[in-house]
Amino acid sequence: MGAKRRKLSNPLALAVMALLSERPMHPYQIAQTLRQRGKENSVKINFGSLYTVVQNLEKYGFVEVAEVQRQGNRPERTLYGLTSAGHEEMLEWMADLLAVPAPEFPLFETALSLMGVLPPDEVTSLLEDRLSALRVRAAGMRGVLEQLYETLPRLFVVETEFQLHMIEAEEAWIQGFLKEIGEGSLSGLDGWRTLHETGRPPAEWQELEHEQPLDIAGEGDRSRKP
């Protein structure tokens, strides 16, 4: 079962609705609270676009003006609250994100899918650089988590835990991949080297172009008859 197509798809909109489910807030207060809670590491927060997100949420009836504050000669501050429709949308959207795996296209996966344009030795060097950077990042994140555990319930930092586990998983995969290249056990390695030694793909690669592509997603070619 796929996720429902939504009127708004920006994750920042979901973060805004989640905060407004606690209490009415001004857009600046929303941005400040998200940063105070460290959510800028999981949600791209831009103060300028935040106002647009709030306006779009109001347009679709998910938020509404709850109060307009005026203090002395200061400009009016409009506080927004979550509507019943917004509350329902927030719960459904959150359920979809947690339950339904969605296709994503990380840049590193894109690079891996096209890395054959570089020779194996160069790829090895570049991945070793990445591995070093990942280790530094993971060490820093472990330090941050230790500090957060002292002041916050674990519930509030689970996304940081997940990020750390993903980094550690990437480290482990790169280490294994580099080991296969070093040992010469990586399937296709000889053809990869041949490509860069001769400037031409090996014959066995050219033959693959005439074979049916592997259907990883399990969707198949819908144009074919059974």
C-alpha atoms as a PDB file:
ATOM      1  CA  MET A   1       0.000   0.000   0.000  1.00  0.00           C
ATOM      2  CA  GLY A   2       1.525   3.313  -1.055  1.00  0.00           C
ATOM      3  CA  ALA A   3       1.536   6.583   0.827  1.00  0.00           C
ATOM      4  CA  LYS A   4      -1.296   9.021   0.170  1.00  0.00           C
ATOM      5  CA  ARG A   5      -0.588  11.893  -2.224  1.00  0.00           C
ATOM      6  CA  ARG A   6      -0.712  15.050  -0.144  1.00  0.00           C
ATOM      7  CA  LYS A   7      -1.435  18.694  -0.837  1.00  0.00           C
ATOM      8  CA  LEU A   8       1.844  19.590   0.872  1.00  0.00           C
ATOM      9  CA  SER A   9       4.948  17.426   0.688  1.00  0.00           C
ATOM     10  CA  ASN A  10       7.577  19.643   2.360  1.00  0.00           C
ATOM     11  CA  PRO A  11       8.697  17.907   5.595  1.00  0.00           C
ATOM     12  CA  LEU A  12       8.962  21.349   7.182  1.00  0.00           C
ATOM     13  CA  ALA A  13       5.165  21.585   6.943  1.00  0.00           C
ATOM     14  CA  LEU A  14       4.864  18.411   9.013  1.00  0.00           C
ATOM     15  CA  ALA A  15       7.311  19.784  11.588  1.00  0.00           C
ATOM     16  CA  VAL A  16       5.283  23.011  11.803  1.00  0.00           C
ATOM     17  CA  MET A  17       2.036  21.101  12.348  1.00  0.00           C
ATOM     18  CA  ALA A  18       3.698  18.929  14.999  1.00  0.00           C
ATOM     19  CA  LEU A  19       4.756  22.003  16.978  1.00  0.00           C
ATOM     20  CA  LEU A  20       1.403  23.737  16.553  1.00  0.00           C
ATOM     21  CA  SER A  21      -0.273  20.613  17.933  1.00  0.00           C
ATOM     22  CA  GLU A  22       1.364  21.593  21.250  1.00  0.00           C
ATOM     23  CA  ARG A  23       0.250  25.255  21.291  1.00  0.00           C
ATOM     24  CA  PRO A  24      -0.283  28.254  18.974  1.00  0.00           C
ATOM     25  CA  MET A  25       2.977  29.869  17.852  1.00  0.00           C
ATOM     26  CA  HIS A  26       4.352  32.709  15.759  1.00  0.00           C
ATOM     27  CA  PRO A  27       6.450  31.566  12.734  1.00  0.00           C
ATOM     28  CA  TYR A  28       9.628  32.959  14.303  1.00  0.00           C
ATOM     29  CA  GLN A  29       8.872  31.034  17.500  1.00  0.00           C
ATOM     30  CA  ILE A  30       8.358  27.887  15.442  1.00  0.00           C
ATOM     31  CA  ALA A  31      11.795  28.239  13.834  1.00  0.00           C
ATOM     32  CA  GLN A  32      13.415  29.014  17.182  1.00  0.00           C
ATOM     33  CA  THR A  33      11.807  26.000  18.859  1.00  0.00           C
ATOM     34  CA  LEU A  34      12.847  23.660  16.055  1.00  0.00           C
ATOM     35  CA  ARG A  35      16.454  24.819  16.395  1.00  0.00           C
ATOM     36  CA  GLN A  36      16.376  24.586  20.198  1.00  0.00           C
ATOM     37  CA  ARG A  37      15.280  20.971  19.866  1.00  0.00           C
ATOM     38  CA  GLY A  38      17.986  20.201  17.322  1.00  0.00           C
ATOM     39  CA  LYS A  39      15.544  19.448  14.510  1.00  0.00           C
ATOM     40  CA  GLU A  40      17.636  21.359  11.955  1.00  0.00           C
ATOM     41  CA  ASN A  41      19.686  18.160  11.637  1.00  0.00           C
ATOM     42  CA  SER A  42      16.611  16.271  10.418  1.00  0.00           C
ATOM     43  CA  VAL A  43      14.486  18.954   8.757  1.00  0.00           C
ATOM     44  CA  LYS A  44      15.782  21.695   6.471  1.00  0.00           C
ATOM     45  CA  ILE A  45      14.781  24.910   8.228  1.00  0.00           C
ATOM     46  CA  ASN A  46      14.837  28.200   6.362  1.00  0.00           C
ATOM     47  CA  PHE A  47      13.284  31.193   8.085  1.00  0.00           C
ATOM     48  CA  GLY A  48      12.161  32.774   4.814  1.00  0.00           C
ATOM     49  CA  SER A  49      10.495  29.617   3.514  1.00  0.00           C
ATOM     50  CA  LEU A  50       8.906  28.964   6.920  1.00  0.00           C
ATOM     51  CA  TYR A  51       6.488  31.852   6.398  1.00  0.00           C
ATOM     52  CA  THR A  52       5.543  30.402   2.993  1.00  0.00           C
ATOM     53  CA  VAL A  53       4.957  26.999   4.567  1.00  0.00           C
ATOM     54  CA  VAL A  54       2.674  28.526   7.201  1.00  0.00           C
ATOM     55  CA  GLN A  55       0.772  30.452   4.515  1.00  0.00           C
ATOM     56  CA  ASN A  56       0.280  27.259   2.490  1.00  0.00           C
ATOM     57  CA  LEU A  57      -0.911  25.391   5.569  1.00  0.00           C
ATOM     58  CA  GLU A  58      -3.429  28.174   6.175  1.00  0.00           C
ATOM     59  CA  LYS A  59      -4.490  28.083   2.510  1.00  0.00           C
ATOM     60  CA  TYR A  60      -5.412  24.398   2.776  1.00  0.00           C
ATOM     61  CA  GLY A  61      -7.156  24.845   6.111  1.00  0.00           C
ATOM     62  CA  PHE A  62      -4.564  22.994   8.188  1.00  0.00           C
ATOM     63  CA  VAL A  63      -3.682  25.991  10.384  1.00  0.00           C
ATOM     64  CA  GLU A  64      -5.567  29.138  11.313  1.00  0.00           C
ATOM     65  CA  VAL A  65      -4.918  32.429  13.081  1.00  0.00           C
ATOM     66  CA  ALA A  66      -5.326  31.783  16.792  1.00  0.00           C
ATOM     67  CA  GLU A  67      -4.352  35.177  18.153  1.00  0.00           C
ATOM     68  CA  VAL A  68      -2.879  38.522  17.122  1.00  0.00           C
ATOM     69  CA  GLN A  69      -0.598  40.006  19.769  1.00  0.00           C
ATOM     70  CA  ARG A  70       0.318  43.669  20.035  1.00  0.00           C
ATOM     71  CA  GLN A  71       2.900  45.004  22.464  1.00  0.00           C
ATOM     72  CA  GLY A  72       3.438  48.760  22.535  1.00  0.00           C
ATOM     73  CA  ASN A  73       4.832  50.109  19.291  1.00  0.00           C
ATOM     74  CA  ARG A  74       6.073  46.717  18.119  1.00  0.00           C
ATOM     75  CA  PRO A  75       4.606  45.118  14.978  1.00  0.00           C
ATOM     76  CA  GLU A  76       1.698  42.763  15.457  1.00  0.00           C
ATOM     77  CA  ARG A  77       2.587  39.114  16.005  1.00  0.00           C
ATOM     78  CA  THR A  78       0.225  36.574  14.484  1.00  0.00           C
ATOM     79  CA  LEU A  79       0.027  33.255  16.288  1.00  0.00           C
ATOM     80  CA  TYR A  80      -1.174  30.235  14.341  1.00  0.00           C
ATOM     81  CA  GLY A  81      -2.891  27.151  15.683  1.00  0.00           C
ATOM     82  CA  LEU A  82      -3.609  23.719  14.240  1.00  0.00           C
ATOM     83  CA  THR A  83      -7.117  23.088  12.914  1.00  0.00           C
ATOM     84  CA  SER A  84      -8.953  19.778  13.279  1.00  0.00           C
ATOM     85  CA  ALA A  85      -8.221  19.114   9.585  1.00  0.00           C
ATOM     86  CA  GLY A  86      -4.565  19.904  10.198  1.00  0.00           C
ATOM     87  CA  HIS A  87      -4.464  17.546  13.164  1.00  0.00           C
ATOM     88  CA  GLU A  88      -5.911  14.736  11.051  1.00  0.00           C
ATOM     89  CA  GLU A  89      -3.494  15.496   8.200  1.00  0.00           C
ATOM     90  CA  MET A  90      -0.540  15.501  10.599  1.00  0.00           C
ATOM     91  CA  LEU A  91      -1.474  12.107  12.080  1.00  0.00           C
ATOM     92  CA  GLU A  92      -2.060  10.486   8.675  1.00  0.00           C
ATOM     93  CA  TRP A  93       1.148  11.940   7.234  1.00  0.00           C
ATOM     94  CA  MET A  94       3.182  10.799  10.223  1.00  0.00           C
ATOM     95  CA  ALA A  95       1.686   7.302   9.995  1.00  0.00           C
ATOM     96  CA  ASP A  96       2.587   7.104   6.301  1.00  0.00           C
ATOM     97  CA  LEU A  97       6.180   8.187   6.889  1.00  0.00           C
ATOM     98  CA  LEU A  98       6.693   5.686   9.692  1.00  0.00           C
ATOM     99  CA  ALA A  99       4.964   2.714   8.043  1.00  0.00           C
ATOM    100  CA  VAL A 100       5.515   3.052   4.286  1.00  0.00           C
ATOM    101  CA  PRO A 101       9.089   2.899   2.892  1.00  0.00           C
ATOM    102  CA  ALA A 102       9.387   5.666   0.318  1.00  0.00           C
ATOM    103  CA  PRO A 103      11.894   5.724  -2.566  1.00  0.00           C
ATOM    104  CA  GLU A 104      14.708   8.158  -1.867  1.00  0.00           C
ATOM    105  CA  PHE A 105      17.669   9.140  -3.999  1.00  0.00           C
ATOM    106  CA  PRO A 106      20.689   9.951  -1.788  1.00  0.00           C
ATOM    107  CA  LEU A 107      23.583  11.556  -3.638  1.00  0.00           C
ATOM    108  CA  PHE A 108      26.040   8.920  -2.444  1.00  0.00           C
ATOM    109  CA  GLU A 109      23.919   6.179  -4.007  1.00  0.00           C
ATOM    110  CA  THR A 110      23.874   8.179  -7.239  1.00  0.00           C
ATOM    111  CA  ALA A 111      27.669   8.423  -7.131  1.00  0.00           C
ATOM    112  CA  LEU A 112      28.004   4.683  -6.461  1.00  0.00           C
ATOM    113  CA  SER A 113      25.772   3.857  -9.415  1.00  0.00           C
ATOM    114  CA  LEU A 114      28.019   5.884 -11.746  1.00  0.00           C
ATOM    115  CA  MET A 115      31.457   5.411 -10.184  1.00  0.00           C
ATOM    116  CA  GLY A 116      32.583   3.160 -13.050  1.00  0.00           C
ATOM    117  CA  VAL A 117      33.553   6.327 -14.952  1.00  0.00           C
ATOM    118  CA  LEU A 118      36.523   6.559 -12.567  1.00  0.00           C
ATOM    119  CA  PRO A 119      39.280   3.934 -12.377  1.00  0.00           C
ATOM    120  CA  PRO A 120      39.198   1.503  -9.442  1.00  0.00           C
ATOM    121  CA  ASP A 121      42.320   2.906  -7.794  1.00  0.00           C
ATOM    122  CA  GLU A 122      40.889   6.428  -7.771  1.00  0.00           C
ATOM    123  CA  VAL A 123      37.577   5.209  -6.400  1.00  0.00           C
ATOM    124  CA  THR A 124      39.481   3.367  -3.676  1.00  0.00           C
ATOM    125  CA  SER A 125      41.300   6.544  -2.681  1.00  0.00           C
ATOM    126  CA  LEU A 126      38.108   8.604  -2.686  1.00  0.00           C
ATOM    127  CA  LEU A 127      36.199   6.067  -0.606  1.00  0.00           C
ATOM    128  CA  GLU A 128      39.053   5.945   1.887  1.00  0.00           C
ATOM    129  CA  ASP A 129      38.735   9.728   2.219  1.00  0.00           C
ATOM    130  CA  ARG A 130      35.002   9.351   2.748  1.00  0.00           C
ATOM    131  CA  LEU A 131      35.555   6.638   5.323  1.00  0.00           C
ATOM    132  CA  SER A 132      37.860   8.916   7.313  1.00  0.00           C
ATOM    133  CA  ALA A 133      35.309  11.732   7.193  1.00  0.00           C
ATOM    134  CA  LEU A 134      32.539   9.390   8.317  1.00  0.00           C
ATOM    135  CA  ARG A 135      34.578   8.222  11.296  1.00  0.00           C
ATOM    136  CA  VAL A 136      35.151  11.810  12.405  1.00  0.00           C
ATOM    137  CA  ARG A 137      31.459  12.606  11.956  1.00  0.00           C
ATOM    138  CA  ALA A 138      30.389   9.514  13.880  1.00  0.00           C
ATOM    139  CA  ALA A 139      32.740  10.319  16.749  1.00  0.00           C
ATOM    140  CA  GLY A 140      31.352  13.847  16.955  1.00  0.00           C
ATOM    141  CA  MET A 141      27.785  12.572  16.893  1.00  0.00           C
ATOM    142  CA  ARG A 142      28.502  10.121  19.709  1.00  0.00           C
ATOM    143  CA  GLY A 143      29.786  13.032  21.781  1.00  0.00           C
ATOM    144  CA  VAL A 144      26.671  15.062  21.020  1.00  0.00           C
ATOM    145  CA  LEU A 145      24.423  12.156  21.969  1.00  0.00           C
ATOM    146  CA  GLU A 146      26.183  11.708  25.307  1.00  0.00           C
ATOM    147  CA  GLN A 147      25.483  15.355  26.106  1.00  0.00           C
ATOM    148  CA  LEU A 148      21.893  15.183  24.939  1.00  0.00           C
ATOM    149  CA  TYR A 149      21.199  12.083  27.041  1.00  0.00           C
ATOM    150  CA  GLU A 150      22.115  14.137  30.131  1.00  0.00           C
ATOM    151  CA  THR A 151      19.395  16.736  29.536  1.00  0.00           C
ATOM    152  CA  LEU A 152      16.760  15.204  27.259  1.00  0.00           C
ATOM    153  CA  PRO A 153      14.620  12.056  27.267  1.00  0.00           C
ATOM    154  CA  ARG A 154      15.788   9.549  24.687  1.00  0.00           C
ATOM    155  CA  LEU A 155      12.500  10.012  22.811  1.00  0.00           C
ATOM    156  CA  PHE A 156      13.676  13.486  21.775  1.00  0.00           C
ATOM    157  CA  VAL A 157      16.942  12.309  20.214  1.00  0.00           C
ATOM    158  CA  VAL A 158      16.019   9.074  18.449  1.00  0.00           C
ATOM    159  CA  GLU A 159      16.509  10.702  15.037  1.00  0.00           C
ATOM    160  CA  THR A 160      20.116  11.493  15.992  1.00  0.00           C
ATOM    161  CA  GLU A 161      20.574   7.876  17.075  1.00  0.00           C
ATOM    162  CA  PHE A 162      19.229   6.768  13.696  1.00  0.00           C
ATOM    163  CA  GLN A 163      21.603   9.108  11.863  1.00  0.00           C
ATOM    164  CA  LEU A 164      24.531   7.646  13.807  1.00  0.00           C
ATOM    165  CA  HIS A 165      23.475   4.076  12.991  1.00  0.00           C
ATOM    166  CA  MET A 166      23.197   4.972   9.299  1.00  0.00           C
ATOM    167  CA  ILE A 167      26.706   6.443   9.365  1.00  0.00           C
ATOM    168  CA  GLU A 168      28.050   3.331  11.090  1.00  0.00           C
ATOM    169  CA  ALA A 169      26.281   1.098   8.551  1.00  0.00           C
ATOM    170  CA  GLU A 170      27.799   3.123   5.703  1.00  0.00           C
ATOM    171  CA  GLU A 171      31.238   2.809   7.307  1.00  0.00           C
ATOM    172  CA  ALA A 172      30.872  -0.965   7.518  1.00  0.00           C
ATOM    173  CA  TRP A 173      29.701  -1.255   3.906  1.00  0.00           C
ATOM    174  CA  ILE A 174      32.537   0.896   2.539  1.00  0.00           C
ATOM    175  CA  GLN A 175      35.090  -1.096   4.529  1.00  0.00           C
ATOM    176  CA  GLY A 176      33.779  -4.341   3.062  1.00  0.00           C
ATOM    177  CA  PHE A 177      33.659  -2.912  -0.450  1.00  0.00           C
ATOM    178  CA  LEU A 178      37.220  -1.604  -0.231  1.00  0.00           C
ATOM    179  CA  LYS A 179      38.355  -4.996   1.037  1.00  0.00           C
ATOM    180  CA  GLU A 180      36.824  -6.709  -2.021  1.00  0.00           C
ATOM    181  CA  ILE A 181      38.586  -4.271  -4.356  1.00  0.00           C
ATOM    182  CA  GLY A 182      41.879  -4.785  -2.537  1.00  0.00           C
ATOM    183  CA  GLU A 183      41.583  -8.566  -2.627  1.00  0.00           C
ATOM    184  CA  GLY A 184      40.424  -8.555  -6.235  1.00  0.00           C
ATOM    185  CA  SER A 185      37.284 -10.506  -5.343  1.00  0.00           C
ATOM    186  CA  LEU A 186      34.777  -7.870  -6.476  1.00  0.00           C
ATOM    187  CA  SER A 187      32.648  -9.225  -9.328  1.00  0.00           C
ATOM    188  CA  GLY A 188      33.185  -7.083 -12.426  1.00  0.00           C
ATOM    189  CA  LEU A 189      36.494  -5.638 -11.206  1.00  0.00           C
ATOM    190  CA  ASP A 190      38.495  -7.002 -14.166  1.00  0.00           C
ATOM    191  CA  GLY A 191      36.062  -5.459 -16.645  1.00  0.00           C
ATOM    192  CA  TRP A 192      36.207  -2.179 -14.736  1.00  0.00           C
ATOM    193  CA  ARG A 193      39.984  -2.113 -15.034  1.00  0.00           C
ATOM    194  CA  THR A 194      39.801  -3.090 -18.706  1.00  0.00           C
ATOM    195  CA  LEU A 195      37.483  -0.162 -19.396  1.00  0.00           C
ATOM    196  CA  HIS A 196      40.049   2.324 -18.130  1.00  0.00           C
ATOM    197  CA  GLU A 197      43.052   0.553 -19.627  1.00  0.00           C
ATOM    198  CA  THR A 198      41.612   0.301 -23.148  1.00  0.00           C
ATOM    199  CA  GLY A 199      38.928   3.000 -23.164  1.00  0.00           C
ATOM    200  CA  ARG A 200      36.356   0.404 -24.230  1.00  0.00           C
ATOM    201  CA  PRO A 201      33.900  -1.627 -22.149  1.00  0.00           C
ATOM    202  CA  PRO A 202      34.634  -5.365 -22.116  1.00  0.00           C
ATOM    203  CA  ALA A 203      32.572  -7.637 -24.359  1.00  0.00           C
ATOM    204  CA  GLU A 204      30.698  -9.190 -21.446  1.00  0.00           C
ATOM    205  CA  TRP A 205      29.434  -5.748 -20.413  1.00  0.00           C
ATOM    206  CA  GLN A 206      28.155  -5.035 -23.895  1.00  0.00           C
ATOM    207  CA  GLU A 207      26.258  -8.310 -23.849  1.00  0.00           C
ATOM    208  CA  LEU A 208      24.472  -7.209 -20.678  1.00  0.00           C
ATOM    209  CA  GLU A 209      22.818  -4.376 -22.584  1.00  0.00           C
ATOM    210  CA  HIS A 210      20.740  -6.922 -24.499  1.00  0.00           C
ATOM    211  CA  GLU A 211      19.532  -8.714 -21.391  1.00  0.00           C
ATOM    212  CA  GLN A 212      16.363  -7.902 -19.450  1.00  0.00           C
ATOM    213  CA  PRO A 213      17.147  -5.432 -16.620  1.00  0.00           C
ATOM    214  CA  LEU A 214      16.773  -6.740 -13.079  1.00  0.00           C
ATOM    215  CA  ASP A 215      13.490  -5.573 -11.581  1.00  0.00           C
ATOM    216  CA  ILE A 216      14.622  -4.711  -8.052  1.00  0.00           C
ATOM    217  CA  ALA A 217      11.428  -2.843  -7.172  1.00  0.00           C
ATOM    218  CA  GLY A 218       9.279  -5.804  -8.170  1.00  0.00           C
ATOM    219  CA  GLU A 219       7.082  -3.688 -10.411  1.00  0.00           C
ATOM    220  CA  GLY A 220       8.034  -5.331 -13.714  1.00  0.00           C
ATOM    221  CA  ASP A 221       7.364  -3.979 -17.164  1.00  0.00           C
ATOM    222  CA  ARG A 222       3.672  -3.135 -17.065  1.00  0.00           C
ATOM    223  CA  SER A 223       3.586  -2.833 -20.842  1.00  0.00           C
ATOM    224  CA  ARG A 224       4.260  -6.541 -21.314  1.00  0.00           C
ATOM    225  CA  LYS A 225       1.483  -9.079 -21.369  1.00  0.00           C
ATOM    226  CA  PRO A 226       1.775 -12.099 -19.030  1.00  0.00           C
END
